PDB file of N, CA and C in Angstrom:
ATOM      1  N   MET A   1     286.596  92.351  13.929  1.00  0.00           N
ATOM      2  CA  MET A   1     286.923  90.945  13.862  1.00  0.00           C
ATOM      3  C   MET A   1     288.368  90.710  14.302  1.00  0.00           C
ATOM      4  N   ARG A   2     289.264  91.637  13.941  1.00  0.00           N
ATOM      5  CA  ARG A   2     290.666  91.505  14.330  1.00  0.00           C
ATOM      6  C   ARG A   2     290.805  91.460  15.849  1.00  0.00           C
ATOM      7  N   SER A   3     290.014  92.273  16.557  1.00  0.00           N
ATOM      8  CA  SER A   3     290.137  92.290  18.019  1.00  0.00           C
ATOM      9  C   SER A   3     289.729  90.950  18.622  1.00  0.00           C
ATOM     10  N   VAL A   4     288.791  90.245  18.008  1.00  0.00           N
ATOM     11  CA  VAL A   4     288.410  88.925  18.490  1.00  0.00           C
ATOM     12  C   VAL A   4     289.578  87.964  18.330  1.00  0.00           C
ATOM     13  N   GLY A   5     290.253  88.030  17.179  1.00  0.00           N
ATOM     14  CA  GLY A   5     291.423  87.178  16.943  1.00  0.00           C
ATOM     15  C   GLY A   5     292.528  87.463  17.936  1.00  0.00           C
ATOM     16  N   VAL A   6     292.789  88.732  18.204  1.00  0.00           N
ATOM     17  CA  VAL A   6     293.822  89.102  19.176  1.00  0.00           C
ATOM     18  C   VAL A   6     293.438  88.589  20.558  1.00  0.00           C
ATOM     19  N   LEU A   7     292.179  88.708  20.913  1.00  0.00           N
ATOM     20  CA  LEU A   7     291.721  88.215  22.209  1.00  0.00           C
ATOM     21  C   LEU A   7     291.949  86.713  22.330  1.00  0.00           C
ATOM     22  N   LEU A   8     291.651  85.961  21.275  1.00  0.00           N
ATOM     23  CA  LEU A   8     291.876  84.517  21.318  1.00  0.00           C
ATOM     24  C   LEU A   8     293.352  84.188  21.503  1.00  0.00           C
ATOM     25  N   VAL A   9     294.232  84.931  20.835  1.00  0.00           N
ATOM     26  CA  VAL A   9     295.671  84.716  21.007  1.00  0.00           C
ATOM     27  C   VAL A   9     296.068  85.019  22.442  1.00  0.00           C
ATOM     28  N   LEU A  10     295.546  86.098  22.986  1.00  0.00           N
ATOM     29  CA  LEU A  10     295.895  86.472  24.356  1.00  0.00           C
ATOM     30  C   LEU A  10     295.436  85.418  25.348  1.00  0.00           C
ATOM     31  N   LEU A  11     294.265  84.861  25.129  1.00  0.00           N
ATOM     32  CA  LEU A  11     293.792  83.799  26.018  1.00  0.00           C
ATOM     33  C   LEU A  11     294.679  82.569  25.919  1.00  0.00           C
ATOM     34  N   ALA A  12     295.161  82.267  24.730  1.00  0.00           N
ATOM     35  CA  ALA A  12     296.029  81.100  24.544  1.00  0.00           C
ATOM     36  C   ALA A  12     297.388  81.303  25.191  1.00  0.00           C
ATOM     37  N   CYS A  13     297.811  82.528  25.344  1.00  0.00           N
ATOM     38  CA  CYS A  13     299.144  82.819  25.864  1.00  0.00           C
ATOM     39  C   CYS A  13     299.228  82.675  27.375  1.00  0.00           C
ATOM     40  N   GLY A  14     298.117  82.601  28.054  1.00  0.00           N
ATOM     41  CA  GLY A  14     298.163  82.447  29.499  1.00  0.00           C
ATOM     42  C   GLY A  14     298.507  83.751  30.190  1.00  0.00           C
ATOM     43  N   PRO A  15     298.985  83.669  31.422  1.00  0.00           N
ATOM     44  CA  PRO A  15     299.229  84.862  32.227  1.00  0.00           C
ATOM     45  C   PRO A  15     300.545  85.551  31.849  1.00  0.00           C
ATOM     46  N   ALA A  16     300.597  86.113  30.651  1.00  0.00           N
ATOM     47  CA  ALA A  16     301.829  86.719  30.157  1.00  0.00           C
ATOM     48  C   ALA A  16     302.292  87.875  31.036  1.00  0.00           C
ATOM     49  N   LEU A  17     301.368  88.680  31.525  1.00  0.00           N
ATOM     50  CA  LEU A  17     301.764  89.827  32.330  1.00  0.00           C
ATOM     51  C   LEU A  17     302.514  89.415  33.585  1.00  0.00           C
ATOM     52  N   ALA A  18     302.150  88.296  34.158  1.00  0.00           N
ATOM     53  CA  ALA A  18     302.800  87.832  35.380  1.00  0.00           C
ATOM     54  C   ALA A  18     304.230  87.395  35.114  1.00  0.00           C
ATOM     55  N   GLN A  19     304.587  87.208  33.855  1.00  0.00           N
ATOM     56  CA  GLN A  19     305.914  86.734  33.523  1.00  0.00           C
ATOM     57  C   GLN A  19     306.718  87.789  32.782  1.00  0.00           C
ATOM     58  N   GLY A  20     306.367  89.052  32.926  1.00  0.00           N
ATOM     59  CA  GLY A  20     307.177  90.140  32.415  1.00  0.00           C
ATOM     60  C   GLY A  20     306.952  90.518  30.963  1.00  0.00           C
ATOM     61  N   VAL A  21     305.984  89.929  30.283  1.00  0.00           N
ATOM     62  CA  VAL A  21     305.698  90.274  28.899  1.00  0.00           C
ATOM     63  C   VAL A  21     304.240  90.703  28.818  1.00  0.00           C
ATOM     64  N   PRO A  22     303.983  91.944  28.372  1.00  0.00           N
ATOM     65  CA  PRO A  22     302.590  92.380  28.234  1.00  0.00           C
ATOM     66  C   PRO A  22     301.821  91.485  27.268  1.00  0.00           C
ATOM     67  N   ALA A  23     300.532  91.362  27.488  1.00  0.00           N
ATOM     68  CA  ALA A  23     299.705  90.462  26.688  1.00  0.00           C
ATOM     69  C   ALA A  23     299.772  90.774  25.196  1.00  0.00           C
ATOM     70  N   ALA A  24     299.777  92.039  24.825  1.00  0.00           N
ATOM     71  CA  ALA A  24     299.856  92.383  23.402  1.00  0.00           C
ATOM     72  C   ALA A  24     301.184  91.911  22.810  1.00  0.00           C
ATOM     73  N   ARG A  25     302.257  92.041  23.563  1.00  0.00           N
ATOM     74  CA  ARG A  25     303.558  91.563  23.084  1.00  0.00           C
ATOM     75  C   ARG A  25     303.555  90.039  22.991  1.00  0.00           C
ATOM     76  N   ALA A  26     302.914  89.373  23.934  1.00  0.00           N
ATOM     77  CA  ALA A  26     302.830  87.915  23.883  1.00  0.00           C
ATOM     78  C   ALA A  26     302.183  87.465  22.578  1.00  0.00           C
ATOM     79  N   ALA A  27     301.133  88.152  22.149  1.00  0.00           N
ATOM     80  CA  ALA A  27     300.478  87.812  20.884  1.00  0.00           C
ATOM     81  C   ALA A  27     301.445  87.982  19.717  1.00  0.00           C
ATOM     82  N   GLU A  28     302.249  89.058  19.749  1.00  0.00           N
ATOM     83  CA  GLU A  28     303.250  89.273  18.703  1.00  0.00           C
ATOM     84  C   GLU A  28     304.295  88.156  18.712  1.00  0.00           C
ATOM     85  N   LEU A  29     304.709  87.751  19.901  1.00  0.00           N
ATOM     86  CA  LEU A  29     305.730  86.712  20.015  1.00  0.00           C
ATOM     87  C   LEU A  29     305.222  85.365  19.504  1.00  0.00           C
ATOM     88  N   VAL A  30     303.958  85.065  19.770  1.00  0.00           N
ATOM     89  CA  VAL A  30     303.387  83.826  19.241  1.00  0.00           C
ATOM     90  C   VAL A  30     303.449  83.855  17.717  1.00  0.00           C
ATOM     91  N   ARG A  31     303.107  84.976  17.135  1.00  0.00           N
ATOM     92  CA  ARG A  31     303.134  85.096  15.672  1.00  0.00           C
ATOM     93  C   ARG A  31     304.565  84.981  15.151  1.00  0.00           C
ATOM     94  N   ILE A  32     305.509  85.633  15.798  1.00  0.00           N
ATOM     95  CA  ILE A  32     306.915  85.562  15.375  1.00  0.00           C
ATOM     96  C   ILE A  32     307.396  84.118  15.391  1.00  0.00           C
ATOM     97  N   VAL A  33     307.139  83.418  16.483  1.00  0.00           N
ATOM     98  CA  VAL A  33     307.608  82.035  16.581  1.00  0.00           C
ATOM     99  C   VAL A  33     306.929  81.167  15.531  1.00  0.00           C
ATOM    100  N   ARG A  34     305.638  81.276  15.413  1.00  0.00           N
ATOM    101  CA  ARG A  34     304.911  80.428  14.460  1.00  0.00           C
ATOM    102  C   ARG A  34     305.318  80.724  13.020  1.00  0.00           C
ATOM    103  N   GLN A  35     305.572  81.978  12.691  1.00  0.00           N
ATOM    104  CA  GLN A  35     305.884  82.341  11.306  1.00  0.00           C
ATOM    105  C   GLN A  35     307.389  82.318  11.026  1.00  0.00           C
ATOM    106  N   ASP A  36     308.158  83.071  11.807  1.00  0.00           N
ATOM    107  CA  ASP A  36     309.592  83.208  11.525  1.00  0.00           C
ATOM    108  C   ASP A  36     310.381  81.976  11.955  1.00  0.00           C
ATOM    109  N   CYS A  37     310.210  81.540  13.175  1.00  0.00           N
ATOM    110  CA  CYS A  37     310.917  80.340  13.637  1.00  0.00           C
ATOM    111  C   CYS A  37     310.413  79.116  12.889  1.00  0.00           C
ATOM    112  N   GLY A  38     309.109  79.119  12.603  1.00  0.00           N
ATOM    113  CA  GLY A  38     308.504  78.009  11.891  1.00  0.00           C
ATOM    114  C   GLY A  38     309.061  77.807  10.496  1.00  0.00           C
ATOM    115  N   SER A  39     309.639  78.852   9.905  1.00  0.00           N
ATOM    116  CA  SER A  39     310.192  78.698   8.560  1.00  0.00           C
ATOM    117  C   SER A  39     311.369  77.729   8.552  1.00  0.00           C
ATOM    118  N   CYS A  40     312.082  77.590   9.658  1.00  0.00           N
ATOM    119  CA  CYS A  40     313.182  76.619   9.754  1.00  0.00           C
ATOM    120  C   CYS A  40     312.817  75.411  10.627  1.00  0.00           C
ATOM    121  N   HIS A  41     312.074  75.653  11.677  1.00  0.00           N
ATOM    122  CA  HIS A  41     311.767  74.591  12.645  1.00  0.00           C
ATOM    123  C   HIS A  41     310.446  73.886  12.342  1.00  0.00           C
ATOM    124  N   GLY A  42     309.838  74.235  11.217  1.00  0.00           N
ATOM    125  CA  GLY A  42     308.566  73.638  10.823  1.00  0.00           C
ATOM    126  C   GLY A  42     307.399  74.457  11.340  1.00  0.00           C
ATOM    127  N   MET A  43     306.396  74.612  10.519  1.00  0.00           N
ATOM    128  CA  MET A  43     305.251  75.443  10.897  1.00  0.00           C
ATOM    129  C   MET A  43     304.531  74.905  12.138  1.00  0.00           C
ATOM    130  N   ARG A  44     304.666  73.625  12.417  1.00  0.00           N
ATOM    131  CA  ARG A  44     304.108  73.040  13.637  1.00  0.00           C
ATOM    132  C   ARG A  44     305.197  72.868  14.699  1.00  0.00           C
ATOM    133  N   LEU A  45     306.396  73.410  14.400  1.00  0.00           N
ATOM    134  CA  LEU A  45     307.556  73.349  15.291  1.00  0.00           C
ATOM    135  C   LEU A  45     308.025  71.918  15.528  1.00  0.00           C
ATOM    136  N   THR A  46     307.733  71.040  14.581  1.00  0.00           N
ATOM    137  CA  THR A  46     308.109  69.630  14.710  1.00  0.00           C
ATOM    138  C   THR A  46     309.403  69.298  13.976  1.00  0.00           C
ATOM    139  N   GLY A  47     310.099  70.306  13.498  1.00  0.00           N
ATOM    140  CA  GLY A  47     311.388  70.107  12.857  1.00  0.00           C
ATOM    141  C   GLY A  47     311.342  70.399  11.369  1.00  0.00           C
ATOM    142  N   GLY A  48     312.488  70.718  10.846  1.00  0.00           N
ATOM    143  CA  GLY A  48     312.674  71.038   9.438  1.00  0.00           C
ATOM    144  C   GLY A  48     314.164  71.194   9.238  1.00  0.00           C
ATOM    145  N   LEU A  49     314.597  72.341   8.719  1.00  0.00           N
ATOM    146  CA  LEU A  49     316.022  72.646   8.662  1.00  0.00           C
ATOM    147  C   LEU A  49     316.595  72.635  10.082  1.00  0.00           C
ATOM    148  N   GLY A  50     315.849  73.216  11.004  1.00  0.00           N
ATOM    149  CA  GLY A  50     316.236  73.217  12.414  1.00  0.00           C
ATOM    150  C   GLY A  50     315.527  72.104  13.161  1.00  0.00           C
ATOM    151  N   PRO A  51     315.978  71.796  14.374  1.00  0.00           N
ATOM    152  CA  PRO A  51     315.368  70.710  15.149  1.00  0.00           C
ATOM    153  C   PRO A  51     313.951  71.049  15.617  1.00  0.00           C
ATOM    154  N   ALA A  52     313.235  70.041  16.044  1.00  0.00           N
ATOM    155  CA  ALA A  52     311.896  70.222  16.599  1.00  0.00           C
ATOM    156  C   ALA A  52     311.958  71.096  17.854  1.00  0.00           C
ATOM    157  N   LEU A  53     310.932  71.906  18.031  1.00  0.00           N
ATOM    158  CA  LEU A  53     310.820  72.759  19.211  1.00  0.00           C
ATOM    159  C   LEU A  53     309.590  72.384  20.036  1.00  0.00           C
ATOM    160  N   THR A  54     309.253  71.127  20.006  1.00  0.00           N
ATOM    161  CA  THR A  54     308.104  70.651  20.785  1.00  0.00           C
ATOM    162  C   THR A  54     308.517  70.464  22.248  1.00  0.00           C
ATOM    163  N   ARG A  55     307.531  70.410  23.101  1.00  0.00           N
ATOM    164  CA  ARG A  55     307.780  70.183  24.530  1.00  0.00           C
ATOM    165  C   ARG A  55     308.583  68.898  24.736  1.00  0.00           C
ATOM    166  N   GLU A  56     308.244  67.866  23.994  1.00  0.00           N
ATOM    167  CA  GLU A  56     308.929  66.579  24.138  1.00  0.00           C
ATOM    168  C   GLU A  56     310.393  66.672  23.689  1.00  0.00           C
ATOM    169  N   ALA A  57     310.627  67.351  22.577  1.00  0.00           N
ATOM    170  CA  ALA A  57     311.992  67.467  22.054  1.00  0.00           C
ATOM    171  C   ALA A  57     312.883  68.313  22.960  1.00  0.00           C
ATOM    172  N   LEU A  58     312.276  69.223  23.703  1.00  0.00           N
ATOM    173  CA  LEU A  58     313.043  70.150  24.545  1.00  0.00           C
ATOM    174  C   LEU A  58     313.018  69.764  26.023  1.00  0.00           C
ATOM    175  N   ALA A  59     312.486  68.601  26.342  1.00  0.00           N
ATOM    176  CA  ALA A  59     312.279  68.200  27.740  1.00  0.00           C
ATOM    177  C   ALA A  59     313.550  68.229  28.581  1.00  0.00           C
ATOM    178  N   ASP A  60     314.704  67.946  27.995  1.00  0.00           N
ATOM    179  CA  ASP A  60     315.946  67.902  28.773  1.00  0.00           C
ATOM    180  C   ASP A  60     316.755  69.194  28.681  1.00  0.00           C
ATOM    181  N   LYS A  61     316.163  70.237  28.110  1.00  0.00           N
ATOM    182  CA  LYS A  61     316.883  71.502  27.944  1.00  0.00           C
ATOM    183  C   LYS A  61     316.280  72.570  28.856  1.00  0.00           C
ATOM    184  N   PRO A  62     317.102  73.176  29.699  1.00  0.00           N
ATOM    185  CA  PRO A  62     316.574  74.210  30.590  1.00  0.00           C
ATOM    186  C   PRO A  62     316.157  75.453  29.799  1.00  0.00           C
ATOM    187  N   PRO A  63     315.046  76.089  30.199  1.00  0.00           N
ATOM    188  CA  PRO A  63     314.603  77.297  29.506  1.00  0.00           C
ATOM    189  C   PRO A  63     315.687  78.379  29.412  1.00  0.00           C
ATOM    190  N   SER A  64     316.578  78.459  30.394  1.00  0.00           N
ATOM    191  CA  SER A  64     317.638  79.477  30.327  1.00  0.00           C
ATOM    192  C   SER A  64     318.569  79.223  29.142  1.00  0.00           C
ATOM    193  N   ALA A  65     318.855  77.954  28.854  1.00  0.00           N
ATOM    194  CA  ALA A  65     319.696  77.618  27.701  1.00  0.00           C
ATOM    195  C   ALA A  65     318.959  77.905  26.396  1.00  0.00           C
ATOM    196  N   LEU A  66     317.671  77.607  26.354  1.00  0.00           N
ATOM    197  CA  LEU A  66     316.872  77.905  25.165  1.00  0.00           C
ATOM    198  C   LEU A  66     316.825  79.409  24.920  1.00  0.00           C
ATOM    199  N   ALA A  67     316.624  80.183  25.988  1.00  0.00           N
ATOM    200  CA  ALA A  67     316.566  81.641  25.860  1.00  0.00           C
ATOM    201  C   ALA A  67     317.892  82.186  25.336  1.00  0.00           C
ATOM    202  N   ALA A  68     319.003  81.653  25.803  1.00  0.00           N
ATOM    203  CA  ALA A  68     320.312  82.102  25.327  1.00  0.00           C
ATOM    204  C   ALA A  68     320.481  81.805  23.841  1.00  0.00           C
ATOM    205  N   THR A  69     320.029  80.629  23.408  1.00  0.00           N
ATOM    206  CA  THR A  69     320.107  80.275  21.990  1.00  0.00           C
ATOM    207  C   THR A  69     319.234  81.204  21.159  1.00  0.00           C
ATOM    208  N   ILE A  70     318.035  81.486  21.625  1.00  0.00           N
ATOM    209  CA  ILE A  70     317.129  82.387  20.911  1.00  0.00           C
ATOM    210  C   ILE A  70     317.761  83.770  20.801  1.00  0.00           C
ATOM    211  N   PHE A  71     318.294  84.267  21.886  1.00  0.00           N
ATOM    212  CA  PHE A  71     318.809  85.636  21.930  1.00  0.00           C
ATOM    213  C   PHE A  71     320.134  85.788  21.180  1.00  0.00           C
ATOM    214  N   HIS A  72     321.049  84.824  21.356  1.00  0.00           N
ATOM    215  CA  HIS A  72     322.392  84.949  20.786  1.00  0.00           C
ATOM    216  C   HIS A  72     322.620  84.122  19.532  1.00  0.00           C
ATOM    217  N   GLY A  73     321.769  83.138  19.267  1.00  0.00           N
ATOM    218  CA  GLY A  73     321.959  82.259  18.124  1.00  0.00           C
ATOM    219  C   GLY A  73     322.985  81.181  18.426  1.00  0.00           C
ATOM    220  N   ARG A  74     323.349  80.440  17.381  1.00  0.00           N
ATOM    221  CA  ARG A  74     324.357  79.388  17.498  1.00  0.00           C
ATOM    222  C   ARG A  74     325.387  79.591  16.406  1.00  0.00           C
ATOM    223  N   PRO A  75     326.553  80.126  16.753  1.00  0.00           N
ATOM    224  CA  PRO A  75     327.590  80.353  15.743  1.00  0.00           C
ATOM    225  C   PRO A  75     327.927  79.059  14.995  1.00  0.00           C
ATOM    226  N   GLY A  76     328.150  79.206  13.704  1.00  0.00           N
ATOM    227  CA  GLY A  76     328.505  78.057  12.882  1.00  0.00           C
ATOM    228  C   GLY A  76     327.311  77.239  12.422  1.00  0.00           C
ATOM    229  N   THR A  77     326.109  77.687  12.765  1.00  0.00           N
ATOM    230  CA  THR A  77     324.885  77.007  12.335  1.00  0.00           C
ATOM    231  C   THR A  77     323.969  78.047  11.680  1.00  0.00           C
ATOM    232  N   PRO A  78     322.886  77.609  11.049  1.00  0.00           N
ATOM    233  CA  PRO A  78     321.938  78.574  10.479  1.00  0.00           C
ATOM    234  C   PRO A  78     321.112  79.337  11.522  1.00  0.00           C
ATOM    235  N   MET A  79     321.233  78.972  12.816  1.00  0.00           N
ATOM    236  CA  MET A  79     320.428  79.617  13.863  1.00  0.00           C
ATOM    237  C   MET A  79     320.962  81.005  14.168  1.00  0.00           C
ATOM    238  N   PRO A  80     320.195  82.057  13.752  1.00  0.00           N
ATOM    239  CA  PRO A  80     320.634  83.427  14.031  1.00  0.00           C
ATOM    240  C   PRO A  80     320.273  83.843  15.452  1.00  0.00           C
ATOM    241  N   GLY A  81     320.946  84.836  15.941  1.00  0.00           N
ATOM    242  CA  GLY A  81     320.530  85.480  17.180  1.00  0.00           C
ATOM    243  C   GLY A  81     319.403  86.449  16.860  1.00  0.00           C
ATOM    244  N   TRP A  82     318.430  86.526  17.726  1.00  0.00           N
ATOM    245  CA  TRP A  82     317.265  87.379  17.494  1.00  0.00           C
ATOM    246  C   TRP A  82     317.297  88.640  18.356  1.00  0.00           C
ATOM    247  N   ARG A  83     318.455  88.968  18.936  1.00  0.00           N
ATOM    248  CA  ARG A  83     318.529  90.120  19.839  1.00  0.00           C
ATOM    249  C   ARG A  83     318.205  91.438  19.154  1.00  0.00           C
ATOM    250  N   GLY A  84     318.273  91.496  17.835  1.00  0.00           N
ATOM    251  CA  GLY A  84     317.883  92.710  17.120  1.00  0.00           C
ATOM    252  C   GLY A  84     316.386  92.956  17.120  1.00  0.00           C
ATOM    253  N   LEU A  85     315.606  91.891  17.330  1.00  0.00           N
ATOM    254  CA  LEU A  85     314.144  91.999  17.307  1.00  0.00           C
ATOM    255  C   LEU A  85     313.481  91.671  18.635  1.00  0.00           C
ATOM    256  N   LEU A  86     314.212  90.975  19.497  1.00  0.00           N
ATOM    257  CA  LEU A  86     313.642  90.524  20.763  1.00  0.00           C
ATOM    258  C   LEU A  86     314.448  91.048  21.942  1.00  0.00           C
ATOM    259  N   SER A  87     313.761  91.295  23.030  1.00  0.00           N
ATOM    260  CA  SER A  87     314.449  91.619  24.283  1.00  0.00           C
ATOM    261  C   SER A  87     314.810  90.303  24.973  1.00  0.00           C
ATOM    262  N   GLU A  88     315.631  90.399  26.009  1.00  0.00           N
ATOM    263  CA  GLU A  88     315.933  89.198  26.785  1.00  0.00           C
ATOM    264  C   GLU A  88     314.660  88.636  27.424  1.00  0.00           C
ATOM    265  N   ALA A  89     313.773  89.520  27.881  1.00  0.00           N
ATOM    266  CA  ALA A  89     312.498  89.070  28.470  1.00  0.00           C
ATOM    267  C   ALA A  89     311.666  88.330  27.431  1.00  0.00           C
ATOM    268  N   ASP A  90     311.679  88.806  26.177  1.00  0.00           N
ATOM    269  CA  ASP A  90     310.967  88.109  25.104  1.00  0.00           C
ATOM    270  C   ASP A  90     311.539  86.712  24.907  1.00  0.00           C
ATOM    271  N   ALA A  91     312.869  86.617  24.862  1.00  0.00           N
ATOM    272  CA  ALA A  91     313.522  85.319  24.644  1.00  0.00           C
ATOM    273  C   ALA A  91     313.204  84.351  25.786  1.00  0.00           C
ATOM    274  N   ILE A  92     313.196  84.853  26.999  1.00  0.00           N
ATOM    275  CA  ILE A  92     312.856  84.011  28.157  1.00  0.00           C
ATOM    276  C   ILE A  92     311.408  83.559  28.067  1.00  0.00           C
ATOM    277  N   TRP A  93     310.510  84.466  27.719  1.00  0.00           N
ATOM    278  CA  TRP A  93     309.089  84.119  27.585  1.00  0.00           C
ATOM    279  C   TRP A  93     308.908  83.025  26.534  1.00  0.00           C
ATOM    280  N   ILE A  94     309.549  83.194  25.376  1.00  0.00           N
ATOM    281  CA  ILE A  94     309.452  82.191  24.314  1.00  0.00           C
ATOM    282  C   ILE A  94     309.996  80.854  24.798  1.00  0.00           C
ATOM    283  N   ALA A  95     311.151  80.871  25.434  1.00  0.00           N
ATOM    284  CA  ALA A  95     311.773  79.623  25.915  1.00  0.00           C
ATOM    285  C   ALA A  95     310.863  78.908  26.917  1.00  0.00           C
ATOM    286  N   GLU A  96     310.279  79.655  27.825  1.00  0.00           N
ATOM    287  CA  GLU A  96     309.382  79.048  28.811  1.00  0.00           C
ATOM    288  C   GLU A  96     308.150  78.457  28.143  1.00  0.00           C
ATOM    289  N   ARG A  97     307.604  79.152  27.146  1.00  0.00           N
ATOM    290  CA  ARG A  97     306.442  78.623  26.419  1.00  0.00           C
ATOM    291  C   ARG A  97     306.828  77.387  25.625  1.00  0.00           C
ATOM    292  N   LEU A  98     308.005  77.398  24.974  1.00  0.00           N
ATOM    293  CA  LEU A  98     308.443  76.222  24.216  1.00  0.00           C
ATOM    294  C   LEU A  98     308.582  75.015  25.140  1.00  0.00           C
ATOM    295  N   ALA A  99     309.145  75.235  26.314  1.00  0.00           N
ATOM    296  CA  ALA A  99     309.368  74.142  27.263  1.00  0.00           C
ATOM    297  C   ALA A  99     308.058  73.553  27.780  1.00  0.00           C
ATOM    298  N   SER A 100     307.000  74.354  27.775  1.00  0.00           N
ATOM    299  CA  SER A 100     305.726  73.873  28.306  1.00  0.00           C
ATOM    300  C   SER A 100     304.712  73.544  27.211  1.00  0.00           C
ATOM    301  N   GLY A 101     305.076  73.748  25.960  1.00  0.00           N
ATOM    302  CA  GLY A 101     304.154  73.512  24.845  1.00  0.00           C
ATOM    303  C   GLY A 101     303.699  74.843  24.285  1.00  0.00           C
ATOM    304  N   PHE A 102     304.193  75.207  23.131  1.00  0.00           N
ATOM    305  CA  PHE A 102     303.953  76.545  22.602  1.00  0.00           C
ATOM    306  C   PHE A 102     302.512  76.735  22.160  1.00  0.00           C
ATOM    307  N   PRO A 103     301.913  77.898  22.487  1.00  0.00           N
ATOM    308  CA  PRO A 103     300.516  78.140  22.102  1.00  0.00           C
ATOM    309  C   PRO A 103     300.368  78.273  20.583  1.00  0.00           C
ATOM    310  N   GLU A 104     299.195  77.933  20.115  1.00  0.00           N
ATOM    311  CA  GLU A 104     298.862  78.111  18.709  1.00  0.00           C
ATOM    312  C   GLU A 104     298.594  79.586  18.450  1.00  0.00           C
ATOM    313  N   GLU A 105     298.790  79.992  17.217  1.00  0.00           N
ATOM    314  CA  GLU A 105     298.400  81.328  16.793  1.00  0.00           C
ATOM    315  C   GLU A 105     296.923  81.260  16.460  1.00  0.00           C
ATOM    316  N   ARG A 106     296.128  82.003  17.168  1.00  0.00           N
ATOM    317  CA  ARG A 106     294.677  81.934  16.979  1.00  0.00           C
ATOM    318  C   ARG A 106     294.149  83.210  16.358  1.00  0.00           C
ATOM    319  N   GLY A 107     293.111  83.041  15.558  1.00  0.00           N
ATOM    320  CA  GLY A 107     292.425  84.198  14.998  1.00  0.00           C
ATOM    321  C   GLY A 107     293.193  84.895  13.903  1.00  0.00           C
ATOM    322  N   ALA A 108     294.255  84.288  13.401  1.00  0.00           N
ATOM    323  CA  ALA A 108     295.002  84.908  12.323  1.00  0.00           C
ATOM    324  C   ALA A 108     294.204  84.822  11.039  1.00  0.00           C
ATOM    325  N   THR A 109     294.230  85.907  10.299  1.00  0.00           N
ATOM    326  CA  THR A 109     293.543  85.909   9.011  1.00  0.00           C
ATOM    327  C   THR A 109     294.546  85.628   7.919  1.00  0.00           C
ATOM    328  N   PRO A 110     294.168  84.837   6.921  1.00  0.00           N
ATOM    329  CA  PRO A 110     295.121  84.493   5.842  1.00  0.00           C
ATOM    330  C   PRO A 110     295.490  85.679   5.010  1.00  0.00           C
TER     331      PRO A 110
END
């Protein structure tokens, strides 16, 4: 059953391999964003302690700037840098997905 859930996540992630992130890693990144980032930015990424990370909220922000924020954080704010857990390619992948509408985590078991 777990493999079906992973497959659904991979389908939701789109052509991850073409963008430098293997499909299995893309599934992990979706979970990280939905769970870890969601703890501050809202489980639906619509805002909380941190600002909304929806496509609409990020429309005027270039993915390169978003990736830099993800990777390095924002000094003087609660936004940590994630470079200890993410590669630069991971941060770019996340930023590009956020800019286009982040995929849902599918097939997760409670």
